[in-house]
Amino acid sequence: MQQSTSTPDDTADPETTPLTDVLADLTPSAKLVVKTLEYNDDALTQSELADKSRLPARTVRYALTHDDAAV
């Protein structure tokens, strides 16, 4: 008798997807934005994110808007 193992599909719920899987699909700058947010418990504005991550504001804005679906 074969046992069937379930494999996660591409439409998995983002809240149940491990963070490492989500981060694997992000650009390096988006990963830095996520890690910056993770290390700072308080909510940060885009300009504060740019200052703390040392990324240009435009890059932070792009990471937040274009990689929003992945996170």
C-alpha atoms as a PDB file:
ATOM      1  CA  MET A   1       0.000   0.000   0.000  1.00  0.00           C
ATOM      2  CA  GLN A   2       1.400   3.375  -1.004  1.00  0.00           C
ATOM      3  CA  GLN A   3       1.215   6.329   1.273  1.00  0.00           C
ATOM      4  CA  SER A   4       0.348   9.588  -0.369  1.00  0.00           C
ATOM      5  CA  THR A   5       2.287  12.586   0.761  1.00  0.00           C
ATOM      6  CA  SER A   6       0.852  16.007   0.259  1.00  0.00           C
ATOM      7  CA  THR A   7       3.072  18.581  -1.327  1.00  0.00           C
ATOM      8  CA  PRO A   8       2.473  22.299  -1.013  1.00  0.00           C
ATOM      9  CA  ASP A   9       1.221  23.925  -4.163  1.00  0.00           C
ATOM     10  CA  ASP A  10       1.924  27.399  -5.514  1.00  0.00           C
ATOM     11  CA  THR A  11      -1.403  28.707  -4.234  1.00  0.00           C
ATOM     12  CA  ALA A  12      -0.583  28.050  -0.573  1.00  0.00           C
ATOM     13  CA  ASP A  13      -1.785  30.552   1.986  1.00  0.00           C
ATOM     14  CA  PRO A  14       1.007  33.118   2.600  1.00  0.00           C
ATOM     15  CA  GLU A  15       0.291  33.053   6.334  1.00  0.00           C
ATOM     16  CA  THR A  16       1.128  29.334   6.504  1.00  0.00           C
ATOM     17  CA  THR A  17       4.103  29.490   4.152  1.00  0.00           C
ATOM     18  CA  PRO A  18       7.437  29.416   6.004  1.00  0.00           C
ATOM     19  CA  LEU A  19       9.274  32.741   5.938  1.00  0.00           C
ATOM     20  CA  THR A  20      12.328  31.123   4.346  1.00  0.00           C
ATOM     21  CA  ASP A  21      10.225  30.070   1.348  1.00  0.00           C
ATOM     22  CA  VAL A  22       8.783  33.563   1.000  1.00  0.00           C
ATOM     23  CA  LEU A  23      12.206  35.199   1.267  1.00  0.00           C
ATOM     24  CA  ALA A  24      13.632  32.902  -1.394  1.00  0.00           C
ATOM     25  CA  ASP A  25      11.384  34.550  -3.995  1.00  0.00           C
ATOM     26  CA  LEU A  26      12.295  38.139  -3.080  1.00  0.00           C
ATOM     27  CA  THR A  27      14.958  40.397  -4.517  1.00  0.00           C
ATOM     28  CA  PRO A  28      17.990  41.074  -2.289  1.00  0.00           C
ATOM     29  CA  SER A  29      16.808  44.606  -1.545  1.00  0.00           C
ATOM     30  CA  ALA A  30      13.339  43.345  -0.601  1.00  0.00           C
ATOM     31  CA  LYS A  31      14.939  40.779   1.729  1.00  0.00           C
ATOM     32  CA  LEU A  32      16.849  43.602   3.397  1.00  0.00           C
ATOM     33  CA  VAL A  33      13.631  45.588   3.828  1.00  0.00           C
ATOM     34  CA  VAL A  34      11.924  42.555   5.414  1.00  0.00           C
ATOM     35  CA  LYS A  35      14.850  41.954   7.770  1.00  0.00           C
ATOM     36  CA  THR A  36      14.965  45.649   8.706  1.00  0.00           C
ATOM     37  CA  LEU A  37      11.282  45.514   9.576  1.00  0.00           C
ATOM     38  CA  GLU A  38      11.847  42.292  11.512  1.00  0.00           C
ATOM     39  CA  TYR A  39      14.642  43.791  13.641  1.00  0.00           C
ATOM     40  CA  ASN A  40      12.693  46.969  14.398  1.00  0.00           C
ATOM     41  CA  ASP A  41       9.592  46.111  16.373  1.00  0.00           C
ATOM     42  CA  ASP A  42       8.050  49.535  15.813  1.00  0.00           C
ATOM     43  CA  ALA A  43       6.321  50.477  12.605  1.00  0.00           C
ATOM     44  CA  LEU A  44       8.643  52.381  10.282  1.00  0.00           C
ATOM     45  CA  THR A  45       7.875  54.904   7.582  1.00  0.00           C
ATOM     46  CA  GLN A  46       9.378  54.464   4.141  1.00  0.00           C
ATOM     47  CA  SER A  47      11.947  57.149   4.833  1.00  0.00           C
ATOM     48  CA  GLU A  48      12.895  55.498   8.145  1.00  0.00           C
ATOM     49  CA  LEU A  49      13.242  52.171   6.320  1.00  0.00           C
ATOM     50  CA  ALA A  50      15.487  53.837   3.767  1.00  0.00           C
ATOM     51  CA  ASP A  51      17.644  55.343   6.529  1.00  0.00           C
ATOM     52  CA  LYS A  52      17.942  52.140   8.565  1.00  0.00           C
ATOM     53  CA  SER A  53      18.512  49.850   5.581  1.00  0.00           C
ATOM     54  CA  ARG A  54      20.753  52.382   3.784  1.00  0.00           C
ATOM     55  CA  LEU A  55      18.784  51.758   0.602  1.00  0.00           C
ATOM     56  CA  PRO A  56      17.533  54.540  -1.665  1.00  0.00           C
ATOM     57  CA  ALA A  57      13.935  55.560  -0.938  1.00  0.00           C
ATOM     58  CA  ARG A  58      12.919  54.522  -4.451  1.00  0.00           C
ATOM     59  CA  THR A  59      14.287  51.003  -3.873  1.00  0.00           C
ATOM     60  CA  VAL A  60      12.419  50.713  -0.564  1.00  0.00           C
ATOM     61  CA  ARG A  61       9.218  51.899  -2.211  1.00  0.00           C
ATOM     62  CA  TYR A  62       9.663  49.379  -5.048  1.00  0.00           C
ATOM     63  CA  ALA A  63      10.341  46.538  -2.588  1.00  0.00           C
ATOM     64  CA  LEU A  64       7.222  47.387  -0.593  1.00  0.00           C
ATOM     65  CA  THR A  65       4.894  47.681  -3.572  1.00  0.00           C
ATOM     66  CA  HIS A  66       6.139  45.006  -5.974  1.00  0.00           C
ATOM     67  CA  ASP A  67       7.006  42.294  -3.471  1.00  0.00           C
ATOM     68  CA  ASP A  68       3.897  42.886  -1.373  1.00  0.00           C
ATOM     69  CA  ALA A  69       2.152  39.864  -2.845  1.00  0.00           C
ATOM     70  CA  ALA A  70       5.014  37.591  -1.824  1.00  0.00           C
ATOM     71  CA  VAL A  71       5.090  38.707   1.780  1.00  0.00           C
END
